[in-house]
Structure formats: structure tokens, C-alpha cells
Amino acid sequence: QAPKCRQLSYNLIPSMAAAPCTAAEPEDPFEILGLDEQASRRDVESAFRRQALQWHPDRHPGNAAVARAGFERLSRAKEVLLDNGLRKAALRFRFIQRRYRHHRSSQPAPDPQPRPRPRP
């Protein structure tokens, strides 16, 4: 069974606006918490606390399901960044993702017209 993507209503909290997630592309925990790669444990915990206040389900009783999904997303990001093994895996993924984006952007645009086949 494919992993389910948690679509969030980004109108709920404008400061948390981001691209919607897709099941094929894992989310970057550094981007979720708004941190750089050199962030310490203290930085991770303070970023989590700051954003958890915005996403806590108790603060959005009318939209508790959406807020709960956002809060769980933050919790997973914090869990990944506080575990050394998972953090290394996230850093590797981030490195590979950057190389892939750079590779794709450096490729020439595809030719819009199909080229005629040479005659034998």
C-alpha cells in the first residue's frame, strides 16, 4: 500500500505556506522546521516549540484534523532531526535531491519538433 500524503490547508496558517506534499517525494525536515543543516539540538527544539504553538489542534477547534496533521508533520521532523541516524539519512537525501535538481536544470530543453529520421 502506498503511503498516504497528508494534504494540509495552507490557508489555515499563512506563515507555514509550502508546496503540497506528494507521496512520491518525502518532505525535508529541515525545511519543515525552517532550519539549516548546522542546527543544534537546542535550535531544533526551539523551532519545533515555536511552530507547534501555531499548529496545535487545541488552537484550531474548528479545523482540528488539519491542525493535527500539521502538528504530526512537525513532530516527525523533530524526531528525525534529533535522532543522529535519521538526521544523517535526511542529510544524504537532501544532498541527492539537490544534485538531482541541479542535473535536471542543467539539461537543455527538449526539442519541440520531432527530428526527421535519416534515410538509409
N, C-alpha and C. Protein backbone atom coordinates (compact mmCIF):
# COMPACT_ATOMS: atom_id res chain seq x y z
N GLN A 1 0.84 -1.18 0.00
CA GLN A 1 0.00 0.00 0.00
C GLN A 1 0.89 1.24 0.00
N ALA A 2 0.59 2.18 -0.86
CA ALA A 2 1.39 3.40 -0.98
C ALA A 2 1.15 4.30 0.24
N PRO A 3 2.19 5.06 0.66
CA PRO A 3 1.99 5.96 1.79
C PRO A 3 0.99 7.05 1.44
N LYS A 4 0.18 7.41 2.43
CA LYS A 4 -0.81 8.45 2.19
C LYS A 4 -0.16 9.82 2.39
N CYS A 5 -0.47 10.72 1.52
CA CYS A 5 0.04 12.08 1.61
C CYS A 5 -0.92 12.88 2.47
N ARG A 6 -0.38 13.65 3.36
CA ARG A 6 -1.23 14.47 4.21
C ARG A 6 -1.31 15.86 3.61
N GLN A 7 -2.40 16.13 2.95
CA GLN A 7 -2.61 17.45 2.38
C GLN A 7 -3.08 18.37 3.50
N LEU A 8 -2.44 19.52 3.61
CA LEU A 8 -2.79 20.46 4.65
C LEU A 8 -3.42 21.69 4.02
N SER A 9 -4.30 22.31 4.76
CA SER A 9 -4.88 23.56 4.29
C SER A 9 -3.91 24.68 4.66
N TYR A 10 -3.20 25.18 3.67
CA TYR A 10 -2.18 26.19 3.95
C TYR A 10 -2.80 27.56 4.19
N ASN A 11 -4.11 27.69 4.00
CA ASN A 11 -4.77 28.94 4.35
C ASN A 11 -4.96 29.05 5.85
N LEU A 12 -4.85 27.93 6.54
CA LEU A 12 -5.03 27.93 7.99
C LEU A 12 -4.00 28.81 8.67
N ILE A 13 -2.75 28.66 8.29
CA ILE A 13 -1.67 29.44 8.87
C ILE A 13 -0.78 29.93 7.73
N PRO A 14 -0.89 31.18 7.32
CA PRO A 14 -0.15 31.65 6.16
C PRO A 14 1.36 31.56 6.32
N SER A 15 1.89 31.68 7.52
CA SER A 15 3.34 31.65 7.70
C SER A 15 3.91 30.26 7.43
N MET A 16 3.07 29.24 7.39
CA MET A 16 3.54 27.88 7.17
C MET A 16 3.34 27.46 5.72
N ALA A 17 3.07 28.40 4.83
CA ALA A 17 2.80 28.06 3.43
C ALA A 17 3.98 27.32 2.82
N ALA A 18 3.67 26.26 2.12
CA ALA A 18 4.70 25.45 1.46
C ALA A 18 4.03 24.69 0.33
N ALA A 19 4.84 24.06 -0.49
CA ALA A 19 4.28 23.26 -1.57
C ALA A 19 3.59 22.04 -0.98
N PRO A 20 2.46 21.64 -1.54
CA PRO A 20 1.80 20.44 -1.02
C PRO A 20 2.69 19.22 -1.21
N CYS A 21 2.61 18.31 -0.27
CA CYS A 21 3.47 17.14 -0.34
C CYS A 21 2.89 16.13 -1.32
N THR A 22 3.75 15.27 -1.84
CA THR A 22 3.31 14.17 -2.67
C THR A 22 3.86 12.90 -2.05
N ALA A 23 3.17 11.81 -2.22
CA ALA A 23 3.61 10.56 -1.61
C ALA A 23 4.94 10.10 -2.19
N ALA A 24 5.25 10.50 -3.42
CA ALA A 24 6.48 10.06 -4.06
C ALA A 24 7.69 10.85 -3.57
N GLU A 25 7.48 12.03 -3.03
CA GLU A 25 8.59 12.88 -2.62
C GLU A 25 8.52 13.12 -1.11
N PRO A 26 9.43 12.52 -0.33
CA PRO A 26 9.42 12.75 1.11
C PRO A 26 9.70 14.21 1.43
N GLU A 27 9.17 14.66 2.54
CA GLU A 27 9.37 16.04 2.94
C GLU A 27 10.72 16.21 3.63
N ASP A 28 11.31 17.38 3.48
CA ASP A 28 12.59 17.69 4.09
C ASP A 28 12.36 18.23 5.50
N PRO A 29 12.84 17.54 6.54
CA PRO A 29 12.59 18.01 7.91
C PRO A 29 13.24 19.36 8.20
N PHE A 30 14.33 19.68 7.51
CA PHE A 30 14.97 20.98 7.72
C PHE A 30 14.07 22.10 7.21
N GLU A 31 13.42 21.89 6.06
CA GLU A 31 12.52 22.89 5.51
C GLU A 31 11.25 23.02 6.35
N ILE A 32 10.76 21.92 6.86
CA ILE A 32 9.54 21.94 7.66
C ILE A 32 9.74 22.82 8.89
N LEU A 33 10.88 22.66 9.56
CA LEU A 33 11.15 23.44 10.76
C LEU A 33 11.85 24.76 10.47
N GLY A 34 12.21 25.00 9.22
CA GLY A 34 12.86 26.26 8.86
C GLY A 34 14.28 26.38 9.40
N LEU A 35 15.03 25.28 9.34
CA LEU A 35 16.38 25.25 9.90
C LEU A 35 17.40 24.95 8.81
N ASP A 36 18.66 25.30 9.09
CA ASP A 36 19.73 24.91 8.18
C ASP A 36 20.37 23.62 8.68
N GLU A 37 21.31 23.10 7.92
CA GLU A 37 21.88 21.79 8.23
C GLU A 37 22.74 21.79 9.49
N GLN A 38 23.25 22.93 9.91
CA GLN A 38 24.10 23.01 11.09
C GLN A 38 23.31 23.28 12.37
N ALA A 39 22.02 23.17 12.34
CA ALA A 39 21.18 23.47 13.51
C ALA A 39 21.50 22.50 14.65
N SER A 40 21.61 23.04 15.85
CA SER A 40 21.89 22.22 17.03
C SER A 40 20.58 21.64 17.57
N ARG A 41 20.71 20.77 18.59
CA ARG A 41 19.52 20.19 19.23
C ARG A 41 18.64 21.30 19.80
N ARG A 42 19.28 22.28 20.40
CA ARG A 42 18.53 23.40 21.00
C ARG A 42 17.76 24.16 19.91
N ASP A 43 18.40 24.37 18.76
CA ASP A 43 17.72 25.06 17.65
C ASP A 43 16.52 24.26 17.16
N VAL A 44 16.69 22.95 17.06
CA VAL A 44 15.59 22.08 16.60
C VAL A 44 14.42 22.16 17.58
N GLU A 45 14.72 22.06 18.86
CA GLU A 45 13.65 22.07 19.86
C GLU A 45 12.94 23.42 19.93
N SER A 46 13.70 24.52 19.81
CA SER A 46 13.04 25.82 19.87
C SER A 46 12.20 26.08 18.61
N ALA A 47 12.70 25.64 17.44
CA ALA A 47 11.92 25.81 16.20
C ALA A 47 10.64 24.97 16.29
N PHE A 48 10.76 23.77 16.84
CA PHE A 48 9.57 22.92 17.00
C PHE A 48 8.56 23.58 17.92
N ARG A 49 9.01 24.07 19.07
CA ARG A 49 8.10 24.71 20.02
C ARG A 49 7.39 25.92 19.41
N ARG A 50 8.17 26.72 18.70
CA ARG A 50 7.62 27.94 18.09
C ARG A 50 6.52 27.60 17.08
N GLN A 51 6.77 26.61 16.23
CA GLN A 51 5.78 26.26 15.21
C GLN A 51 4.67 25.37 15.77
N ALA A 52 4.97 24.61 16.81
CA ALA A 52 3.94 23.74 17.40
C ALA A 52 2.83 24.58 18.02
N LEU A 53 3.17 25.76 18.52
CA LEU A 53 2.13 26.63 19.06
C LEU A 53 1.15 27.05 17.98
N GLN A 54 1.62 27.25 16.77
CA GLN A 54 0.74 27.63 15.67
C GLN A 54 -0.12 26.46 15.20
N TRP A 55 0.45 25.25 15.20
CA TRP A 55 -0.24 24.09 14.64
C TRP A 55 -0.98 23.24 15.67
N HIS A 56 -0.94 23.59 16.94
CA HIS A 56 -1.55 22.74 17.95
C HIS A 56 -3.05 22.63 17.71
N PRO A 57 -3.61 21.41 17.76
CA PRO A 57 -5.04 21.22 17.50
C PRO A 57 -5.95 22.00 18.45
N ASP A 58 -5.52 22.25 19.67
CA ASP A 58 -6.35 22.99 20.61
C ASP A 58 -6.56 24.44 20.18
N ARG A 59 -5.65 24.98 19.39
CA ARG A 59 -5.78 26.36 18.94
C ARG A 59 -6.69 26.50 17.73
N HIS A 60 -7.07 25.37 17.11
CA HIS A 60 -7.93 25.38 15.92
C HIS A 60 -9.05 24.36 16.10
N PRO A 61 -9.99 24.64 17.01
CA PRO A 61 -11.04 23.64 17.26
C PRO A 61 -11.93 23.38 16.06
N GLY A 62 -12.10 24.34 15.18
CA GLY A 62 -12.95 24.12 14.00
C GLY A 62 -12.26 23.33 12.92
N ASN A 63 -10.95 23.29 12.94
CA ASN A 63 -10.16 22.60 11.92
C ASN A 63 -9.15 21.67 12.59
N ALA A 64 -9.60 20.92 13.55
CA ALA A 64 -8.69 20.10 14.36
C ALA A 64 -7.97 19.04 13.54
N ALA A 65 -8.62 18.47 12.55
CA ALA A 65 -7.98 17.41 11.76
C ALA A 65 -6.81 17.96 10.96
N VAL A 66 -6.98 19.13 10.37
CA VAL A 66 -5.90 19.75 9.60
C VAL A 66 -4.77 20.16 10.52
N ALA A 67 -5.12 20.75 11.66
CA ALA A 67 -4.10 21.17 12.62
C ALA A 67 -3.35 19.96 13.16
N ARG A 68 -4.06 18.86 13.41
CA ARG A 68 -3.42 17.65 13.91
C ARG A 68 -2.41 17.11 12.88
N ALA A 69 -2.79 17.15 11.60
CA ALA A 69 -1.88 16.68 10.55
C ALA A 69 -0.63 17.55 10.50
N GLY A 70 -0.79 18.86 10.61
CA GLY A 70 0.36 19.76 10.63
C GLY A 70 1.23 19.54 11.85
N PHE A 71 0.60 19.31 12.99
CA PHE A 71 1.34 19.07 14.24
C PHE A 71 2.12 17.76 14.14
N GLU A 72 1.51 16.72 13.57
CA GLU A 72 2.21 15.44 13.40
C GLU A 72 3.38 15.58 12.44
N ARG A 73 3.21 16.40 11.40
CA ARG A 73 4.29 16.66 10.44
C ARG A 73 5.48 17.31 11.15
N LEU A 74 5.19 18.28 12.02
CA LEU A 74 6.26 18.92 12.80
C LEU A 74 6.92 17.92 13.75
N SER A 75 6.11 17.09 14.38
CA SER A 75 6.64 16.09 15.32
C SER A 75 7.57 15.11 14.62
N ARG A 76 7.19 14.67 13.41
CA ARG A 76 8.05 13.75 12.66
C ARG A 76 9.36 14.43 12.28
N ALA A 77 9.29 15.69 11.89
CA ALA A 77 10.51 16.42 11.51
C ALA A 77 11.43 16.55 12.72
N LYS A 78 10.87 16.86 13.87
CA LYS A 78 11.67 16.97 15.09
C LYS A 78 12.31 15.63 15.44
N GLU A 79 11.52 14.57 15.34
CA GLU A 79 12.02 13.23 15.66
C GLU A 79 13.20 12.86 14.75
N VAL A 80 13.09 13.17 13.47
CA VAL A 80 14.17 12.86 12.52
C VAL A 80 15.43 13.65 12.85
N LEU A 81 15.28 14.93 13.14
CA LEU A 81 16.45 15.77 13.37
C LEU A 81 17.11 15.54 14.72
N LEU A 82 16.39 14.97 15.68
CA LEU A 82 17.00 14.70 16.98
C LEU A 82 17.65 13.31 17.05
N ASP A 83 17.33 12.42 16.12
CA ASP A 83 17.95 11.10 16.07
C ASP A 83 19.13 11.17 15.09
N ASN A 84 20.34 10.86 15.58
CA ASN A 84 21.54 11.02 14.75
C ASN A 84 21.50 10.20 13.46
N GLY A 85 21.05 8.96 13.54
CA GLY A 85 20.99 8.12 12.34
C GLY A 85 20.00 8.64 11.31
N LEU A 86 18.81 9.04 11.79
CA LEU A 86 17.81 9.57 10.88
C LEU A 86 18.23 10.92 10.30
N ARG A 87 18.93 11.71 11.11
CA ARG A 87 19.40 13.01 10.63
C ARG A 87 20.43 12.83 9.50
N LYS A 88 21.33 11.84 9.66
CA LYS A 88 22.30 11.57 8.60
C LYS A 88 21.61 11.14 7.32
N ALA A 89 20.57 10.31 7.46
CA ALA A 89 19.82 9.88 6.29
C ALA A 89 19.11 11.07 5.62
N ALA A 90 18.58 11.97 6.43
CA ALA A 90 17.92 13.16 5.88
C ALA A 90 18.93 14.05 5.16
N LEU A 91 20.14 14.16 5.70
CA LEU A 91 21.18 14.96 5.05
C LEU A 91 21.60 14.32 3.73
N ARG A 92 21.71 13.00 3.70
CA ARG A 92 22.04 12.31 2.44
C ARG A 92 20.95 12.52 1.40
N PHE A 93 19.70 12.38 1.84
CA PHE A 93 18.58 12.60 0.93
C PHE A 93 18.60 14.02 0.38
N ARG A 94 18.87 14.99 1.25
CA ARG A 94 18.90 16.39 0.83
C ARG A 94 20.01 16.63 -0.19
N PHE A 95 21.17 16.01 0.03
CA PHE A 95 22.30 16.15 -0.89
C PHE A 95 21.94 15.58 -2.26
N ILE A 96 21.37 14.37 -2.26
CA ILE A 96 20.99 13.72 -3.51
C ILE A 96 19.91 14.52 -4.23
N GLN A 97 18.96 15.03 -3.47
CA GLN A 97 17.88 15.81 -4.06
C GLN A 97 18.42 17.08 -4.73
N ARG A 98 19.37 17.75 -4.08
CA ARG A 98 19.98 18.95 -4.68
C ARG A 98 20.72 18.61 -5.96
N ARG A 99 21.48 17.51 -5.94
CA ARG A 99 22.23 17.12 -7.14
C ARG A 99 21.27 16.80 -8.27
N TYR A 100 20.17 16.13 -7.96
CA TYR A 100 19.20 15.76 -8.97
C TYR A 100 18.55 17.01 -9.57
N ARG A 101 18.18 17.97 -8.72
CA ARG A 101 17.58 19.21 -9.22
C ARG A 101 18.55 19.96 -10.11
N HIS A 102 19.83 20.01 -9.69
CA HIS A 102 20.84 20.71 -10.48
C HIS A 102 21.03 20.01 -11.82
N HIS A 103 21.07 18.69 -11.80
CA HIS A 103 21.25 17.92 -13.03
C HIS A 103 20.09 18.17 -13.99
N ARG A 104 18.88 18.15 -13.46
CA ARG A 104 17.70 18.36 -14.31
C ARG A 104 17.67 19.78 -14.85
N SER A 105 18.09 20.76 -14.05
CA SER A 105 18.02 22.14 -14.52
C SER A 105 19.12 22.45 -15.52
N SER A 106 20.22 21.68 -15.51
CA SER A 106 21.32 21.97 -16.43
C SER A 106 21.14 21.27 -17.79
N GLN A 107 20.12 20.45 -17.92
CA GLN A 107 19.88 19.77 -19.17
C GLN A 107 19.25 20.74 -20.18
N PRO A 108 19.58 20.63 -21.46
CA PRO A 108 18.95 21.50 -22.45
C PRO A 108 17.47 21.17 -22.58
N ALA A 109 16.71 22.14 -22.98
CA ALA A 109 15.27 21.93 -23.17
C ALA A 109 15.04 20.94 -24.30
N PRO A 110 14.03 20.11 -24.19
CA PRO A 110 13.77 19.14 -25.26
C PRO A 110 13.35 19.86 -26.54
N ASP A 111 13.71 19.27 -27.64
CA ASP A 111 13.39 19.83 -28.95
C ASP A 111 11.88 19.71 -29.18
N PRO A 112 11.18 20.83 -29.44
CA PRO A 112 9.72 20.74 -29.58
C PRO A 112 9.29 20.00 -30.84
N GLN A 113 10.08 20.05 -31.90
CA GLN A 113 9.73 19.37 -33.15
C GLN A 113 10.47 18.04 -33.23
N PRO A 114 9.77 16.96 -33.58
CA PRO A 114 10.48 15.69 -33.75
C PRO A 114 11.43 15.79 -34.95
N ARG A 115 12.59 15.25 -34.78
CA ARG A 115 13.57 15.29 -35.86
C ARG A 115 13.26 14.21 -36.90
N PRO A 116 13.42 14.56 -38.17
CA PRO A 116 13.16 13.53 -39.20
C PRO A 116 14.23 12.44 -39.15
N ARG A 117 13.83 11.23 -39.41
CA ARG A 117 14.78 10.13 -39.41
C ARG A 117 15.64 10.20 -40.66
N PRO A 118 16.93 9.94 -40.52
CA PRO A 118 17.77 9.93 -41.72
C PRO A 118 17.42 8.72 -42.59
N ARG A 119 17.50 8.92 -43.89
CA ARG A 119 17.21 7.82 -44.82
C ARG A 119 18.43 6.93 -44.94
N PRO A 120 18.20 5.63 -45.04
CA PRO A 120 19.36 4.70 -45.16
C PRO A 120 20.02 4.75 -46.50
